[in-house]
C-alpha atoms as a PDB file:
ATOM      1  CA  MET A   1       0.093   0.004   0.057  1.00  0.00           C
ATOM      2  CA  HIS A   2       2.680   2.345   0.892  1.00  0.00           C
ATOM      3  CA  ASP A   3       4.894   1.613  -2.126  1.00  0.00           C
ATOM      4  CA  LYS A   4       1.788   2.087  -4.416  1.00  0.00           C
ATOM      5  CA  ARG A   5       1.070   5.618  -2.987  1.00  0.00           C
ATOM      6  CA  ARG A   6       4.586   6.566  -3.343  1.00  0.00           C
ATOM      7  CA  ARG A   7       4.489   5.737  -6.962  1.00  0.00           C
ATOM      8  CA  SER A   8       1.587   7.859  -7.732  1.00  0.00           C
ATOM      9  CA  LEU A   9       3.195  10.955  -6.403  1.00  0.00           C
ATOM     10  CA  PRO A  10       4.845  13.521  -9.079  1.00  0.00           C
ATOM     11  CA  VAL A  11       8.527  13.181  -9.807  1.00  0.00           C
ATOM     12  CA  VAL A  12      10.325  15.644  -7.305  1.00  0.00           C
ATOM     13  CA  GLY A  13      13.805  15.674  -5.470  1.00  0.00           C
ATOM     14  CA  ALA A  14      16.988  13.932  -6.973  1.00  0.00           C
ATOM     15  CA  ARG A  15      15.207  12.200  -9.688  1.00  0.00           C
ATOM     16  CA  ALA A  16      13.827  15.495 -10.950  1.00  0.00           C
ATOM     17  CA  ARG A  17      17.249  17.292 -10.751  1.00  0.00           C
ATOM     18  CA  GLN A  18      18.920  14.504 -12.510  1.00  0.00           C
ATOM     19  CA  GLU A  19      16.322  14.699 -15.357  1.00  0.00           C
ATOM     20  CA  ALA A  20      16.996  18.544 -15.818  1.00  0.00           C
ATOM     21  CA  ALA A  21      20.727  17.869 -15.918  1.00  0.00           C
ATOM     22  CA  ARG A  22      20.181  15.642 -19.110  1.00  0.00           C
ATOM     23  CA  GLU A  23      18.841  18.506 -21.048  1.00  0.00           C
ATOM     24  CA  PRO A  24      21.273  19.094 -23.758  1.00  0.00           C
ATOM     25  CA  GLY A  25      23.432  22.409 -23.495  1.00  0.00           C
ATOM     26  CA  LEU A  26      23.051  23.427 -19.895  1.00  0.00           C
ATOM     27  CA  GLY A  27      25.460  23.669 -17.174  1.00  0.00           C
ATOM     28  CA  ALA A  28      27.364  20.682 -15.370  1.00  0.00           C
ATOM     29  CA  GLY A  29      25.477  20.321 -11.951  1.00  0.00           C
ATOM     30  CA  PRO A  30      22.054  19.438 -11.363  1.00  0.00           C
ATOM     31  CA  THR A  31      21.177  22.329  -9.525  1.00  0.00           C
ATOM     32  CA  SER A  32      22.799  24.988 -11.856  1.00  0.00           C
ATOM     33  CA  ALA A  33      21.150  23.132 -14.900  1.00  0.00           C
ATOM     34  CA  SER A  34      17.585  23.655 -13.396  1.00  0.00           C
ATOM     35  CA  VAL A  35      18.226  27.356 -12.715  1.00  0.00           C
ATOM     36  CA  LEU A  36      19.816  27.956 -15.852  1.00  0.00           C
ATOM     37  CA  LEU A  37      16.546  26.137 -17.780  1.00  0.00           C
ATOM     38  CA  THR A  38      14.106  28.608 -16.078  1.00  0.00           C
ATOM     39  CA  ARG A  39      16.397  31.642 -16.595  1.00  0.00           C
ATOM     40  CA  ARG A  40      16.722  30.591 -20.162  1.00  0.00           C
ATOM     41  CA  ARG A  41      13.196  29.982 -20.876  1.00  0.00           C
ATOM     42  CA  PHE A  42      12.152  33.352 -19.222  1.00  0.00           C
ATOM     43  CA  THR A  43      14.795  35.380 -21.265  1.00  0.00           C
ATOM     44  CA  ALA A  44      13.837  33.758 -24.721  1.00  0.00           C
ATOM     45  CA  GLY A  45      10.454  34.502 -23.938  1.00  0.00           C
ATOM     46  CA  SER A  46      11.087  38.270 -23.104  1.00  0.00           C
ATOM     47  CA  ILE A  47      13.163  38.620 -26.161  1.00  0.00           C
ATOM     48  CA  ALA A  48      10.517  37.117 -28.406  1.00  0.00           C
ATOM     49  CA  VAL A  49       7.782  39.698 -27.003  1.00  0.00           C
ATOM     50  CA  ALA A  50      10.069  42.742 -27.153  1.00  0.00           C
ATOM     51  CA  THR A  51      11.174  41.600 -30.931  1.00  0.00           C
ATOM     52  CA  ALA A  52       7.548  41.437 -31.982  1.00  0.00           C
ATOM     53  CA  ALA A  53       6.579  44.686 -30.460  1.00  0.00           C
ATOM     54  CA  ALA A  54       9.516  46.443 -32.194  1.00  0.00           C
ATOM     55  CA  SER A  55       8.774  44.769 -35.424  1.00  0.00           C
ATOM     56  CA  GLY A  56       5.209  45.894 -35.290  1.00  0.00           C
ATOM     57  CA  LEU A  57       3.573  42.073 -34.606  1.00  0.00           C
ATOM     58  CA  SER A  58       1.536  40.812 -31.952  1.00  0.00           C
ATOM     59  CA  LEU A  59       1.102  37.589 -30.519  1.00  0.00           C
ATOM     60  CA  HIS A  60      -1.829  36.993 -32.077  1.00  0.00           C
ATOM     61  CA  GLY A  61      -0.286  38.123 -35.524  1.00  0.00           C
ATOM     62  CA  VAL A  62      -2.277  41.161 -35.764  1.00  0.00           C
ATOM     63  CA  ALA A  63      -0.452  44.246 -37.422  1.00  0.00           C
ATOM     64  CA  CYS A  64       0.218  46.961 -34.760  1.00  0.00           C
ATOM     65  CA  GLY A  65       0.823  50.054 -36.851  1.00  0.00           C
ATOM     66  CA  PRO A  66       1.623  53.594 -35.487  1.00  0.00           C
ATOM     67  CA  PRO A  67      -1.099  55.769 -34.292  1.00  0.00           C
ATOM     68  CA  GLY A  68      -4.136  56.356 -36.585  1.00  0.00           C
ATOM     69  CA  ALA A  69      -3.096  53.583 -38.868  1.00  0.00           C
ATOM     70  CA  PRO A  70      -5.943  50.760 -38.090  1.00  0.00           C
ATOM     71  CA  SER A  71      -5.476  47.184 -37.875  1.00  0.00           C
ATOM     72  CA  THR A  72      -7.382  45.597 -40.715  1.00  0.00           C
ATOM     73  CA  ASN A  73      -7.461  42.235 -38.843  1.00  0.00           C
ATOM     74  CA  ALA A  74      -8.501  41.059 -35.174  1.00  0.00           C
ATOM     75  CA  PRO A  75      -7.867  37.449 -33.557  1.00  0.00           C
ATOM     76  CA  ASP A  76     -10.297  34.887 -35.021  1.00  0.00           C
ATOM     77  CA  ALA A  77     -12.179  37.599 -37.008  1.00  0.00           C
ATOM     78  CA  ASP A  78     -15.675  36.677 -37.544  1.00  0.00           C
ATOM     79  CA  THR A  79     -17.021  39.432 -39.912  1.00  0.00           C
ATOM     80  CA  THR A  80     -16.074  42.442 -41.725  1.00  0.00           C
ATOM     81  CA  LEU A  81     -17.150  45.669 -40.361  1.00  0.00           C
ATOM     82  CA  ARG A  82     -17.542  48.936 -42.420  1.00  0.00           C
ATOM     83  CA  LEU A  83     -17.550  52.329 -40.819  1.00  0.00           C
ATOM     84  CA  ILE A  84     -17.397  55.725 -41.413  1.00  0.00           C
ATOM     85  CA  VAL A  85     -15.237  57.102 -38.610  1.00  0.00           C
ATOM     86  CA  ASN A  86     -14.562  61.008 -38.143  1.00  0.00           C
ATOM     87  CA  GLY A  87     -15.032  61.383 -41.734  1.00  0.00           C
ATOM     88  CA  ALA A  88     -12.811  58.397 -43.058  1.00  0.00           C
ATOM     89  CA  ARG A  89     -14.089  55.151 -44.177  1.00  0.00           C
ATOM     90  CA  VAL A  90     -12.706  52.069 -42.615  1.00  0.00           C
ATOM     91  CA  GLU A  91     -13.101  48.351 -43.302  1.00  0.00           C
ATOM     92  CA  LEU A  92     -11.670  45.806 -40.885  1.00  0.00           C
ATOM     93  CA  GLY A  93     -12.446  42.599 -39.625  1.00  0.00           C
ATOM     94  CA  ILE A  94     -13.733  41.847 -36.013  1.00  0.00           C
ATOM     95  CA  ASP A  95     -14.794  39.410 -33.433  1.00  0.00           C
ATOM     96  CA  LEU A  96     -18.348  39.585 -33.212  1.00  0.00           C
ATOM     97  CA  ARG A  97     -18.298  39.719 -29.831  1.00  0.00           C
ATOM     98  CA  SER A  98     -16.154  42.890 -29.639  1.00  0.00           C
ATOM     99  CA  SER A  99     -17.616  46.280 -28.305  1.00  0.00           C
ATOM    100  CA  LEU A 100     -17.242  49.497 -30.511  1.00  0.00           C
ATOM    101  CA  LEU A 101     -15.317  50.906 -27.724  1.00  0.00           C
ATOM    102  CA  ASP A 102     -12.812  47.989 -28.288  1.00  0.00           C
ATOM    103  CA  VAL A 103     -12.746  48.201 -31.793  1.00  0.00           C
ATOM    104  CA  LEU A 104     -12.026  52.276 -31.724  1.00  0.00           C
ATOM    105  CA  ARG A 105      -9.279  51.947 -29.105  1.00  0.00           C
ATOM    106  CA  GLU A 106      -7.439  48.600 -29.796  1.00  0.00           C
ATOM    107  CA  GLN A 107      -7.921  48.375 -33.881  1.00  0.00           C
ATOM    108  CA  LEU A 108      -8.254  51.920 -34.813  1.00  0.00           C
ATOM    109  CA  GLN A 109      -5.729  53.416 -32.147  1.00  0.00           C
ATOM    110  CA  LEU A 110      -8.370  55.972 -31.462  1.00  0.00           C
ATOM    111  CA  THR A 111      -7.778  56.039 -27.454  1.00  0.00           C
ATOM    112  CA  GLY A 112      -9.769  59.175 -26.649  1.00  0.00           C
ATOM    113  CA  ALA A 113     -12.822  57.357 -25.693  1.00  0.00           C
ATOM    114  CA  LYS A 114     -12.080  55.941 -22.158  1.00  0.00           C
ATOM    115  CA  LYS A 115     -12.991  52.686 -20.709  1.00  0.00           C
ATOM    116  CA  GLY A 116     -14.039  53.671 -17.167  1.00  0.00           C
ATOM    117  CA  CYS A 117     -16.531  51.398 -15.632  1.00  0.00           C
ATOM    118  CA  ASP A 118     -17.115  49.379 -18.930  1.00  0.00           C
ATOM    119  CA  HIS A 119     -20.980  48.977 -17.578  1.00  0.00           C
ATOM    120  CA  GLY A 120     -22.426  51.860 -19.400  1.00  0.00           C
ATOM    121  CA  GLN A 121     -22.686  53.675 -16.038  1.00  0.00           C
ATOM    122  CA  CYS A 122     -19.790  56.506 -16.152  1.00  0.00           C
ATOM    123  CA  GLY A 123     -20.120  57.952 -19.762  1.00  0.00           C
ATOM    124  CA  ALA A 124     -16.164  58.143 -20.302  1.00  0.00           C
ATOM    125  CA  CYS A 125     -16.393  55.980 -23.564  1.00  0.00           C
ATOM    126  CA  THR A 126     -19.207  58.519 -25.080  1.00  0.00           C
ATOM    127  CA  VAL A 127     -19.115  58.832 -29.039  1.00  0.00           C
ATOM    128  CA  HIS A 128     -21.562  60.037 -31.514  1.00  0.00           C
ATOM    129  CA  LEU A 129     -23.288  57.541 -33.566  1.00  0.00           C
ATOM    130  CA  ASP A 130     -25.308  59.018 -36.646  1.00  0.00           C
ATOM    131  CA  GLY A 131     -25.050  62.022 -34.516  1.00  0.00           C
ATOM    132  CA  ARG A 132     -26.392  60.677 -31.262  1.00  0.00           C
ATOM    133  CA  ARG A 133     -24.590  59.748 -28.081  1.00  0.00           C
ATOM    134  CA  VAL A 134     -23.906  56.307 -27.166  1.00  0.00           C
ATOM    135  CA  ALA A 135     -22.039  54.423 -24.600  1.00  0.00           C
ATOM    136  CA  SER A 136     -19.496  52.638 -26.751  1.00  0.00           C
ATOM    137  CA  CYS A 137     -18.791  50.242 -24.158  1.00  0.00           C
ATOM    138  CA  LEU A 138     -22.222  48.848 -24.259  1.00  0.00           C
ATOM    139  CA  THR A 139     -22.790  48.949 -28.158  1.00  0.00           C
ATOM    140  CA  PHE A 140     -21.645  46.057 -30.169  1.00  0.00           C
ATOM    141  CA  ALA A 141     -19.375  46.779 -33.016  1.00  0.00           C
ATOM    142  CA  VAL A 142     -21.464  45.056 -35.558  1.00  0.00           C
ATOM    143  CA  GLN A 143     -24.511  47.341 -34.571  1.00  0.00           C
ATOM    144  CA  ALA A 144     -22.431  50.407 -36.039  1.00  0.00           C
ATOM    145  CA  ASP A 145     -21.840  48.710 -39.468  1.00  0.00           C
ATOM    146  CA  GLY A 146     -22.383  51.171 -42.196  1.00  0.00           C
ATOM    147  CA  ARG A 147     -22.899  54.209 -39.873  1.00  0.00           C
ATOM    148  CA  GLU A 148     -20.885  57.112 -39.072  1.00  0.00           C
ATOM    149  CA  ILE A 149     -18.891  57.678 -35.980  1.00  0.00           C
ATOM    150  CA  THR A 150     -17.473  60.757 -34.254  1.00  0.00           C
ATOM    151  CA  THR A 151     -15.121  60.518 -31.354  1.00  0.00           C
ATOM    152  CA  ILE A 152     -13.406  63.275 -29.458  1.00  0.00           C
ATOM    153  CA  GLU A 153     -10.383  63.101 -32.254  1.00  0.00           C
ATOM    154  CA  GLY A 154     -12.781  64.432 -34.737  1.00  0.00           C
ATOM    155  CA  LEU A 155     -14.719  66.770 -33.212  1.00  0.00           C
ATOM    156  CA  SER A 156     -12.106  69.547 -34.615  1.00  0.00           C
ATOM    157  CA  PRO A 157      -9.936  69.882 -37.598  1.00  0.00           C
ATOM    158  CA  LYS A 158      -6.392  68.069 -37.060  1.00  0.00           C
ATOM    159  CA  ASP A 159      -4.916  71.462 -37.665  1.00  0.00           C
ATOM    160  CA  GLY A 160      -7.833  74.228 -37.172  1.00  0.00           C
ATOM    161  CA  PRO A 161      -9.183  75.713 -34.017  1.00  0.00           C
ATOM    162  CA  LEU A 162     -10.628  73.949 -31.305  1.00  0.00           C
ATOM    163  CA  HIS A 163     -14.350  73.111 -31.220  1.00  0.00           C
ATOM    164  CA  PRO A 164     -16.357  75.636 -29.147  1.00  0.00           C
ATOM    165  CA  MET A 165     -16.964  72.914 -26.317  1.00  0.00           C
ATOM    166  CA  GLN A 166     -13.463  72.172 -26.147  1.00  0.00           C
ATOM    167  CA  GLN A 167     -12.552  75.749 -25.699  1.00  0.00           C
ATOM    168  CA  ALA A 168     -15.341  76.517 -23.241  1.00  0.00           C
ATOM    169  CA  PHE A 169     -13.883  73.495 -21.154  1.00  0.00           C
ATOM    170  CA  ILE A 170     -10.450  75.130 -21.299  1.00  0.00           C
ATOM    171  CA  ASP A 171     -11.990  78.789 -20.248  1.00  0.00           C
ATOM    172  CA  GLN A 172     -14.004  77.240 -17.449  1.00  0.00           C
ATOM    173  CA  ASP A 173     -11.362  74.922 -15.891  1.00  0.00           C
ATOM    174  CA  ALA A 174     -13.892  72.086 -16.522  1.00  0.00           C
ATOM    175  CA  LEU A 175     -11.738  69.438 -15.982  1.00  0.00           C
ATOM    176  CA  GLN A 176      -8.984  68.052 -13.251  1.00  0.00           C
ATOM    177  CA  CYS A 177      -7.296  64.871 -14.102  1.00  0.00           C
ATOM    178  CA  GLY A 178      -8.939  64.795 -17.603  1.00  0.00           C
ATOM    179  CA  TYR A 179      -9.830  61.119 -17.805  1.00  0.00           C
ATOM    180  CA  CYS A 180     -13.664  61.571 -18.187  1.00  0.00           C
ATOM    181  CA  THR A 181     -13.193  64.885 -20.237  1.00  0.00           C
ATOM    182  CA  PRO A 182     -13.609  63.199 -23.586  1.00  0.00           C
ATOM    183  CA  GLY A 183     -16.784  61.626 -22.837  1.00  0.00           C
ATOM    184  CA  GLN A 184     -17.983  64.888 -20.912  1.00  0.00           C
ATOM    185  CA  ILE A 185     -17.220  66.707 -24.052  1.00  0.00           C
ATOM    186  CA  MET A 186     -18.923  64.252 -26.489  1.00  0.00           C
ATOM    187  CA  ALA A 187     -21.988  64.056 -24.410  1.00  0.00           C
ATOM    188  CA  ALA A 188     -22.085  67.912 -23.779  1.00  0.00           C
ATOM    189  CA  VAL A 189     -22.249  68.493 -27.486  1.00  0.00           C
ATOM    190  CA  ALA A 190     -24.786  66.094 -27.845  1.00  0.00           C
ATOM    191  CA  CYS A 191     -26.723  67.749 -24.991  1.00  0.00           C
ATOM    192  CA  VAL A 192     -26.724  70.993 -26.877  1.00  0.00           C
ATOM    193  CA  ARG A 193     -27.615  69.553 -30.209  1.00  0.00           C
ATOM    194  CA  GLU A 194     -30.575  67.788 -28.564  1.00  0.00           C
ATOM    195  CA  GLY A 195     -32.043  71.197 -27.163  1.00  0.00           C
ATOM    196  CA  ASN A 196     -31.199  70.355 -23.405  1.00  0.00           C
ATOM    197  CA  ALA A 197     -28.913  73.127 -22.559  1.00  0.00           C
ATOM    198  CA  GLY A 198     -31.550  75.867 -21.831  1.00  0.00           C
ATOM    199  CA  SER A 199     -30.684  76.120 -18.250  1.00  0.00           C
ATOM    200  CA  ALA A 200     -28.182  75.125 -15.643  1.00  0.00           C
ATOM    201  CA  ASP A 201     -30.848  72.709 -14.012  1.00  0.00           C
ATOM    202  CA  GLN A 202     -31.561  71.080 -17.605  1.00  0.00           C
ATOM    203  CA  VAL A 203     -28.012  70.584 -18.481  1.00  0.00           C
ATOM    204  CA  ARG A 204     -27.351  68.982 -14.890  1.00  0.00           C
ATOM    205  CA  GLU A 205     -30.087  66.604 -15.656  1.00  0.00           C
ATOM    206  CA  TYR A 206     -29.174  65.654 -19.141  1.00  0.00           C
ATOM    207  CA  MET A 207     -25.524  65.275 -18.316  1.00  0.00           C
ATOM    208  CA  SER A 208     -26.110  63.151 -15.444  1.00  0.00           C
ATOM    209  CA  GLY A 209     -25.113  60.041 -17.168  1.00  0.00           C
ATOM    210  CA  ASN A 210     -21.493  61.436 -17.075  1.00  0.00           C
ATOM    211  CA  LEU A 211     -19.629  61.220 -14.071  1.00  0.00           C
ATOM    212  CA  CYS A 212     -16.445  62.980 -12.866  1.00  0.00           C
ATOM    213  CA  ARG A 213     -14.992  61.505  -9.845  1.00  0.00           C
ATOM    214  CA  CYS A 214     -12.707  64.757  -9.292  1.00  0.00           C
ATOM    215  CA  GLY A 215     -15.972  66.535  -8.839  1.00  0.00           C
ATOM    216  CA  ALA A 216     -15.572  69.434 -11.612  1.00  0.00           C
ATOM    217  CA  TYR A 217     -19.158  69.663 -12.112  1.00  0.00           C
ATOM    218  CA  PRO A 218     -19.787  73.247 -11.642  1.00  0.00           C
ATOM    219  CA  GLY A 219     -17.156  74.213 -14.337  1.00  0.00           C
ATOM    220  CA  ILE A 220     -18.632  71.644 -16.639  1.00  0.00           C
ATOM    221  CA  VAL A 221     -22.065  72.931 -16.445  1.00  0.00           C
ATOM    222  CA  ALA A 222     -20.650  76.815 -16.988  1.00  0.00           C
ATOM    223  CA  ALA A 223     -18.748  75.238 -20.291  1.00  0.00           C
ATOM    224  CA  ILE A 224     -21.526  73.862 -21.746  1.00  0.00           C
ATOM    225  CA  LEU A 225     -23.917  77.032 -21.013  1.00  0.00           C
ATOM    226  CA  GLN A 226     -20.782  79.100 -22.423  1.00  0.00           C
ATOM    227  CA  ALA A 227     -20.480  77.109 -25.669  1.00  0.00           C
ATOM    228  CA  ALA A 228     -24.361  76.394 -26.084  1.00  0.00           C
ATOM    229  CA  PRO A 229     -25.255  79.861 -28.267  1.00  0.00           C
ATOM    230  CA  GLU A 230     -22.330  78.514 -30.690  1.00  0.00           C
ATOM    231  CA  ILE A 231     -23.455  75.055 -31.228  1.00  0.00           C
ATOM    232  CA  GLU A 232     -27.047  75.289 -31.307  1.00  0.00           C
ATOM    233  CA  GLY A 233     -28.348  74.904 -34.914  1.00  0.00           C
ATOM    234  CA  THR A 234     -25.032  73.172 -36.253  1.00  0.00           C
END
């Protein structure tokens, strides 16, 4: 009974060290061989990852281009998605389970929309879909197929002046850490265009889905009221 139980145990101790020592190309002693084996595997793996990153590859075989250069593939792509993003037509392969937020951030390198709660409760991921604000973390990417998306990166011309709402946020000091600011601005523009910026109370009501953990709410309300006359009707 004792012998049978002992044979069922995993190989450890001297026998394991002896087996490790028989690996080709390792050090002379059993203990050093085991250590070298671990370090060698770790170093090789680290170099492989660093080389892949430097050469623009990922471990899944997805191209990682420079910012603004979208990847046209996704690991295990299920379908092809066609979008108009900030005025540019984009075609890319996606996983059917992908959220719009993940496609924007991870494949199109548009990282302005933030992943805050990932439950549609904080508003940090707000973008415009056909002119309407949506929580992109709760929107399946396939729902946007053939539709127009505007993110904070496309709100104003690349080399032109800031959008009135962006400028108002600066003027009113309506941000602190800035993490929620892109979503706040996108929601604020939509709030004005929806006709819900007639008063401070109305702004607070229709901006209640966007949280600011720094508590910059007075500045946010003031910024929206400042920019509203310039945006209304646009």
